């Protein structure tokens, strides 16, 4: 185990996630506008609240994954902060602008202006409090607040657990990033690498747009869809196929899940999963799990082939290899 992997499980590890796409929507119609286009209830999101959401096309195929926060700006105005997958900020901005007609909404891409870190581990809260020299409240996931580190590093603190351990996303002006990093490391955070972040993500069963989700994927097949889709709010883009899947079939044809690899190392993306020689799934992400001492994989399994303990075959270029369905998260 690497030092940052061990820290994420027993202390606190700090990962630079500044590449995350960051958009700011201001204007009185911003909550309604986002609510009409996304799967979650943005209109009723309270100040200090946040949620996971997807932006879909009319067929409910995922176009963007997002995390949306209701924030207050320095001048007192309320605004909506939208985070999305690294490299997809410009495309999301164009997507939103296409649907902007007469609403009083202003869109801005803030990706280059703000740095972002993810502090993960059971000791993350203690590290934050030591760096702040102050206590912070227990926050439910996606709740957020603003605090100042030192005398001048104002930072948005957002509870989020993509790695399966308590975590905080920390957002500050890009020019303040080195100062924030230094204070957190001095308080006990261990510097983390992108490779370790990826291992922890796969172990936690967190899907990412690109490897695990693409624009052809029905939103209700995706991991975390249950918490990212609201059936109680008003109409939104892609709502009809989502409601039909719930009311007519009662289930989706495929679901995101995890498998443990019983034979050999990580599986290549696109590896087919077979049952009695018939394709029943596909792998999207895979890694070696230090905790399991073997490989795990994420992917999609067809209906009736998702039960934990079910043994399948992975059809790799080197021959078939045994796997077992373990569900989500694949490593507990």
Protein backbone atom coordinates (compact mmCIF):
# COMPACT_ATOMS: atom_id res chain seq x y z
CA UNK A 1 0.00 0.00 0.00
CA UNK A 2 1.24 3.48 -0.84
CA UNK A 3 1.38 6.15 1.91
CA UNK A 4 -1.50 8.15 0.43
CA UNK A 5 -3.69 5.03 0.08
CA UNK A 6 -3.04 4.15 3.72
CA UNK A 7 -3.75 7.74 4.74
CA UNK A 8 -7.10 7.75 2.93
CA UNK A 9 -8.15 4.66 4.89
CA UNK A 10 -6.72 5.55 8.30
CA UNK A 11 -5.96 9.29 8.30
CA UNK A 12 -6.39 11.92 5.59
CA UNK A 13 -5.04 12.15 2.03
CA UNK A 14 -5.14 15.28 -0.12
CA UNK A 15 -5.76 15.00 -3.86
CA UNK A 16 -5.55 17.85 -6.38
CA UNK A 17 -8.80 17.86 -8.37
CA UNK A 18 -8.46 21.31 -9.92
CA UNK A 19 -9.21 19.97 -13.42
CA UNK A 20 -12.87 19.49 -12.46
CA UNK A 21 -15.17 21.61 -14.62
CA UNK A 22 -16.68 24.53 -12.70
CA UNK A 23 -19.56 26.70 -13.90
CA UNK A 24 -21.34 29.53 -12.09
CA UNK A 25 -24.96 30.40 -12.85
CA UNK A 26 -26.32 33.69 -11.53
CA UNK A 27 -29.66 35.41 -11.95
CA UNK A 28 -33.12 34.85 -10.43
CA UNK A 29 -34.07 32.07 -12.84
CA UNK A 30 -30.92 29.95 -12.38
CA UNK A 31 -32.47 27.32 -10.02
CA UNK A 32 -35.54 26.88 -12.21
CA UNK A 33 -33.45 26.75 -15.38
CA UNK A 34 -31.18 24.02 -14.01
CA UNK A 35 -34.16 22.13 -12.59
CA UNK A 36 -35.86 22.04 -15.99
CA UNK A 37 -32.77 20.49 -17.59
CA UNK A 38 -31.38 18.19 -14.90
CA UNK A 39 -32.67 15.10 -13.13
CA UNK A 40 -32.67 16.45 -9.57
CA UNK A 41 -34.74 19.04 -7.70
CA UNK A 42 -32.57 22.13 -8.05
CA UNK A 43 -35.37 24.68 -7.64
CA UNK A 44 -35.86 23.71 -3.98
CA UNK A 45 -32.18 23.29 -3.12
CA UNK A 46 -31.58 25.34 0.06
CA UNK A 47 -28.69 27.73 0.55
CA UNK A 48 -25.83 25.56 1.76
CA UNK A 49 -27.31 22.49 0.09
CA UNK A 50 -26.10 20.48 -2.87
CA UNK A 51 -26.91 17.37 -4.87
CA UNK A 52 -25.78 15.03 -7.59
CA UNK A 53 -27.58 15.34 -10.92
CA UNK A 54 -27.42 14.34 -14.58
CA UNK A 55 -28.15 16.36 -17.70
CA UNK A 56 -29.82 14.14 -20.30
CA UNK A 57 -31.20 14.29 -23.81
CA UNK A 58 -34.94 13.73 -24.45
CA UNK A 59 -34.35 9.93 -24.43
CA UNK A 60 -32.82 10.19 -20.92
CA UNK A 61 -29.35 9.36 -22.24
CA UNK A 62 -26.69 10.92 -20.01
CA UNK A 63 -24.95 13.92 -21.54
CA UNK A 64 -23.23 15.27 -18.41
CA UNK A 65 -22.71 14.23 -14.80
CA UNK A 66 -22.87 17.14 -12.36
CA UNK A 67 -22.79 18.19 -8.71
CA UNK A 68 -24.82 21.34 -8.05
CA UNK A 69 -24.51 23.64 -5.02
CA UNK A 70 -26.61 26.61 -3.90
CA UNK A 71 -24.05 29.22 -2.82
CA UNK A 72 -23.91 32.85 -1.70
CA UNK A 73 -21.42 35.12 -3.46
CA UNK A 74 -19.27 37.73 -1.77
CA UNK A 75 -21.70 40.49 -2.79
CA UNK A 76 -24.60 38.65 -1.15
CA UNK A 77 -26.21 37.29 -4.32
CA UNK A 78 -27.37 33.69 -4.47
CA UNK A 79 -25.96 31.54 -7.27
CA UNK A 80 -25.71 27.94 -8.46
CA UNK A 81 -22.26 26.34 -8.67
CA UNK A 82 -22.11 23.40 -11.09
CA UNK A 83 -19.21 20.96 -11.07
CA UNK A 84 -18.76 18.49 -13.89
CA UNK A 85 -16.23 15.99 -15.26
CA UNK A 86 -12.74 17.35 -16.05
CA UNK A 87 -12.54 18.55 -19.63
CA UNK A 88 -16.32 18.81 -20.07
CA UNK A 89 -16.90 22.33 -18.76
CA UNK A 90 -16.89 24.03 -22.18
CA UNK A 91 -19.30 21.46 -23.61
CA UNK A 92 -21.65 21.80 -20.63
CA UNK A 93 -21.59 25.58 -21.00
CA UNK A 94 -22.61 25.23 -24.66
CA UNK A 95 -25.31 22.71 -23.73
CA UNK A 96 -26.83 25.06 -21.16
CA UNK A 97 -26.56 28.10 -23.42
CA UNK A 98 -28.44 26.25 -26.17
CA UNK A 99 -31.50 25.97 -23.92
CA UNK A 100 -31.26 29.52 -22.55
CA UNK A 101 -34.01 31.54 -24.21
CA UNK A 102 -35.65 34.23 -22.11
CA UNK A 103 -34.61 33.16 -18.61
CA UNK A 104 -32.72 35.65 -16.46
CA UNK A 105 -29.57 33.57 -16.13
CA UNK A 106 -25.91 34.37 -16.68
CA UNK A 107 -23.42 31.57 -17.35
CA UNK A 108 -19.72 31.71 -16.53
CA UNK A 109 -16.94 29.13 -16.80
CA UNK A 110 -14.86 29.36 -13.61
CA UNK A 111 -12.67 26.29 -14.18
CA UNK A 112 -9.39 28.16 -14.65
CA UNK A 113 -10.11 30.64 -11.85
CA UNK A 114 -10.52 28.16 -9.01
CA UNK A 115 -8.40 25.34 -7.63
CA UNK A 116 -10.02 22.29 -6.07
CA UNK A 117 -8.76 19.64 -3.67
CA UNK A 118 -10.34 16.51 -2.27
CA UNK A 119 -9.47 15.68 1.33
CA UNK A 120 -10.39 12.06 2.05
CA UNK A 121 -10.22 9.76 5.04
CA UNK A 122 -11.57 9.23 8.56
CA UNK A 123 -9.20 11.94 9.79
CA UNK A 124 -10.25 14.53 7.20
CA UNK A 125 -12.45 16.55 9.56
CA UNK A 126 -9.70 16.67 12.21
CA UNK A 127 -7.21 17.92 9.60
CA UNK A 128 -9.61 20.66 8.52
CA UNK A 129 -10.20 21.75 12.10
CA UNK A 130 -6.46 21.84 12.86
CA UNK A 131 -5.75 23.87 9.70
CA UNK A 132 -8.61 26.25 10.52
CA UNK A 133 -7.86 26.37 14.26
CA UNK A 134 -11.60 26.08 14.70
CA UNK A 135 -14.31 23.44 14.83
CA UNK A 136 -16.58 22.67 11.91
CA UNK A 137 -20.05 21.12 12.09
CA UNK A 138 -20.95 17.63 10.99
CA UNK A 139 -22.17 18.04 7.42
CA UNK A 140 -24.34 15.56 5.50
CA UNK A 141 -23.09 14.67 2.04
CA UNK A 142 -23.33 17.58 -0.43
CA UNK A 143 -23.91 20.16 2.31
CA UNK A 144 -21.34 22.96 2.20
CA UNK A 145 -20.08 26.08 3.88
CA UNK A 146 -17.36 28.71 3.51
CA UNK A 147 -14.40 29.21 5.84
CA UNK A 148 -11.15 31.20 5.78
CA UNK A 149 -7.85 29.39 6.31
CA UNK A 150 -5.16 31.56 7.82
CA UNK A 151 -6.03 35.19 7.29
CA UNK A 152 -6.83 35.23 3.60
CA UNK A 153 -7.59 31.86 1.96
CA UNK A 154 -11.38 31.82 1.66
CA UNK A 155 -12.47 28.29 0.76
CA UNK A 156 -15.69 26.49 -0.06
CA UNK A 157 -15.89 23.27 1.96
CA UNK A 158 -18.24 20.62 0.51
CA UNK A 159 -18.96 17.19 1.95
CA UNK A 160 -18.69 14.50 -0.70
CA UNK A 161 -17.65 10.84 -0.56
CA UNK A 162 -16.61 9.57 -4.02
CA UNK A 163 -13.87 7.38 -2.51
CA UNK A 164 -16.00 5.49 0.00
CA UNK A 165 -14.49 7.33 3.00
CA UNK A 166 -15.47 10.68 4.55
CA UNK A 167 -14.41 13.39 2.14
CA UNK A 168 -14.45 17.13 1.53
CA UNK A 169 -14.08 19.05 -1.71
CA UNK A 170 -12.19 22.29 -1.05
CA UNK A 171 -12.49 25.11 -3.59
CA UNK A 172 -10.45 28.33 -3.51
CA UNK A 173 -9.07 30.89 -5.94
CA UNK A 174 -6.30 29.37 -8.05
CA UNK A 175 -3.70 31.80 -6.75
CA UNK A 176 -4.43 30.66 -3.18
CA UNK A 177 -4.01 26.95 -3.93
CA UNK A 178 -0.41 26.58 -2.74
CA UNK A 179 -1.22 28.29 0.54
CA UNK A 180 -4.23 26.06 1.18
CA UNK A 181 -2.28 22.92 0.28
CA UNK A 182 0.54 23.91 2.62
CA UNK A 183 -1.81 24.51 5.57
CA UNK A 184 -3.59 21.18 5.07
CA UNK A 185 -0.35 19.21 4.76
CA UNK A 186 1.04 20.96 7.84
CA UNK A 187 -2.13 19.83 9.65
CA UNK A 188 -1.47 16.20 8.73
CA UNK A 189 -2.84 15.61 5.23
CA UNK A 190 -0.71 13.24 3.14
CA UNK A 191 -0.22 14.32 -0.51
CA UNK A 192 -2.12 11.99 -2.83
CA UNK A 193 -1.64 10.92 -6.44
CA UNK A 194 -4.08 10.57 -9.31
CA UNK A 195 -3.34 6.83 -9.47
CA UNK A 196 -4.34 6.31 -5.84
CA UNK A 197 -7.49 8.39 -6.32
CA UNK A 198 -8.46 6.12 -9.22
CA UNK A 199 -7.91 2.94 -7.19
CA UNK A 200 -10.04 4.26 -4.33
CA UNK A 201 -12.73 5.39 -6.77
CA UNK A 202 -13.03 1.97 -8.37
CA UNK A 203 -13.00 0.25 -4.97
CA UNK A 204 -15.84 2.58 -3.91
CA UNK A 205 -17.86 1.86 -7.05
CA UNK A 206 -18.14 5.52 -8.09
CA UNK A 207 -18.85 5.91 -11.83
CA UNK A 208 -17.12 8.58 -13.93
CA UNK A 209 -18.30 10.07 -17.20
CA UNK A 210 -15.93 8.80 -19.87
CA UNK A 211 -14.84 5.37 -18.66
CA UNK A 212 -18.13 4.34 -17.02
CA UNK A 213 -20.77 6.61 -18.53
CA UNK A 214 -21.20 7.93 -22.05
CA UNK A 215 -23.84 9.76 -24.05
CA UNK A 216 -25.54 6.49 -25.08
CA UNK A 217 -26.15 5.31 -21.50
CA UNK A 218 -29.69 5.42 -20.09
CA UNK A 219 -29.50 7.42 -16.88
CA UNK A 220 -31.33 4.87 -14.72
CA UNK A 221 -28.66 2.26 -15.48
CA UNK A 222 -25.95 4.43 -13.97
CA UNK A 223 -24.67 4.04 -10.42
CA UNK A 224 -26.07 6.66 -8.00
CA UNK A 225 -29.06 7.31 -10.25
CA UNK A 226 -31.49 6.72 -7.38
CA UNK A 227 -30.19 9.73 -5.44
CA UNK A 228 -29.64 11.89 -8.52
CA UNK A 229 -33.16 11.58 -9.97
CA UNK A 230 -36.21 13.25 -8.44
CA UNK A 231 -39.68 11.92 -9.30
CA UNK A 232 -41.40 14.55 -7.18
CA UNK A 233 -40.37 17.71 -9.01
CA UNK A 234 -41.90 19.14 -12.17
CA UNK A 235 -41.12 18.24 -15.76
CA UNK A 236 -37.51 17.99 -16.94
CA UNK A 237 -35.65 16.92 -20.05
CA UNK A 238 -35.67 13.12 -20.28
CA UNK A 239 -38.40 12.64 -17.66
CA UNK A 240 -40.78 10.52 -19.78
CA UNK A 241 -38.40 7.56 -20.42
CA UNK A 242 -37.36 7.61 -16.75
CA UNK A 243 -40.97 7.39 -15.52
CA UNK A 244 -41.78 4.71 -18.11
CA UNK A 245 -38.88 2.56 -16.91
CA UNK A 246 -40.17 2.83 -13.35
CA UNK A 247 -43.88 2.32 -14.04
CA UNK A 248 -43.89 -0.18 -16.90
CA UNK A 249 -40.91 -2.46 -16.39
CA UNK A 250 -40.17 -1.83 -12.74
CA UNK A 251 -36.47 -2.29 -13.47
CA UNK A 252 -33.83 -1.38 -16.05
CA UNK A 253 -32.29 -3.79 -18.53
CA UNK A 254 -28.78 -3.20 -17.19
CA UNK A 255 -27.37 -1.88 -13.93
CA UNK A 256 -23.98 -0.61 -12.82
CA UNK A 257 -22.18 -2.96 -10.45
CA UNK A 258 -18.94 -4.50 -9.32
CA UNK A 259 -17.17 -7.82 -9.75
CA UNK A 260 -14.15 -9.34 -8.05
CA UNK A 261 -11.63 -10.89 -10.42
CA UNK A 262 -10.73 -14.37 -9.20
CA UNK A 263 -8.03 -15.06 -11.76
CA UNK A 264 -5.31 -12.60 -12.77
CA UNK A 265 -5.01 -8.83 -12.80
CA UNK A 266 -7.31 -5.93 -13.78
CA UNK A 267 -9.61 -6.41 -16.76
CA UNK A 268 -9.32 -4.21 -19.88
CA UNK A 269 -12.22 -1.78 -20.45
CA UNK A 270 -14.73 -3.32 -22.83
CA UNK A 271 -14.14 -6.87 -21.57
CA UNK A 272 -17.31 -8.89 -22.02
CA UNK A 273 -18.74 -10.80 -19.07
CA UNK A 274 -20.26 -14.17 -19.93
CA UNK A 275 -22.65 -16.59 -18.26
CA UNK A 276 -22.80 -20.05 -19.82
CA UNK A 277 -21.14 -18.58 -22.88
CA UNK A 278 -23.69 -15.79 -23.34
CA UNK A 279 -22.78 -12.12 -22.92
CA UNK A 280 -24.43 -10.65 -19.82
CA UNK A 281 -22.24 -7.64 -19.05
CA UNK A 282 -19.29 -5.42 -19.89
CA UNK A 283 -16.39 -3.99 -17.88
CA UNK A 284 -15.82 -0.21 -17.82
CA UNK A 285 -13.12 0.31 -15.13
CA UNK A 286 -10.79 -2.05 -13.29
CA UNK A 287 -7.84 -1.89 -10.89
CA UNK A 288 -5.79 -3.90 -8.44
CA UNK A 289 -7.29 -3.58 -4.96
CA UNK A 290 -4.65 -3.52 -2.20
CA UNK A 291 -7.30 -4.37 0.39
CA UNK A 292 -8.43 -7.47 -1.46
CA UNK A 293 -5.02 -8.47 -2.76
CA UNK A 294 -6.53 -8.90 -6.21
CA UNK A 295 -8.35 -7.12 -9.01
CA UNK A 296 -11.84 -5.63 -9.00
CA UNK A 297 -13.86 -4.19 -11.85
CA UNK A 298 -16.88 -1.98 -12.46
CA UNK A 299 -19.31 -2.35 -15.32
CA UNK A 300 -22.84 -3.08 -16.41
CA UNK A 301 -24.71 -6.33 -15.87
CA UNK A 302 -27.95 -7.35 -17.50
CA UNK A 303 -31.14 -7.93 -15.55
CA UNK A 304 -31.21 -11.33 -13.78
CA UNK A 305 -27.41 -11.54 -13.78
CA UNK A 306 -26.72 -9.09 -10.94
CA UNK A 307 -26.99 -11.22 -7.80
CA UNK A 308 -24.02 -11.09 -5.42
CA UNK A 309 -22.09 -14.35 -5.47
CA UNK A 310 -22.94 -15.17 -9.09
CA UNK A 311 -19.90 -16.49 -10.96
CA UNK A 312 -19.21 -15.28 -14.48
CA UNK A 313 -16.42 -15.49 -17.03
CA UNK A 314 -14.47 -12.49 -18.32
CA UNK A 315 -13.67 -12.92 -22.02
CA UNK A 316 -10.16 -11.41 -22.27
CA UNK A 317 -7.65 -11.51 -25.15
CA UNK A 318 -5.69 -14.05 -23.08
CA UNK A 319 -8.66 -16.33 -22.54
CA UNK A 320 -11.54 -16.57 -20.12
CA UNK A 321 -11.02 -15.63 -16.48
CA UNK A 322 -13.32 -16.20 -13.53
CA UNK A 323 -15.08 -13.32 -11.75
CA UNK A 324 -17.77 -13.13 -9.09
CA UNK A 325 -20.48 -10.47 -8.75
CA UNK A 326 -20.02 -8.45 -5.54
CA UNK A 327 -22.35 -5.49 -6.08
CA UNK A 328 -21.61 -1.94 -4.93
CA UNK A 329 -19.27 -0.97 -3.51
CA UNK A 330 -17.00 -3.80 -4.70
CA UNK A 331 -14.67 -3.24 -1.73
CA UNK A 332 -16.23 -2.61 1.69
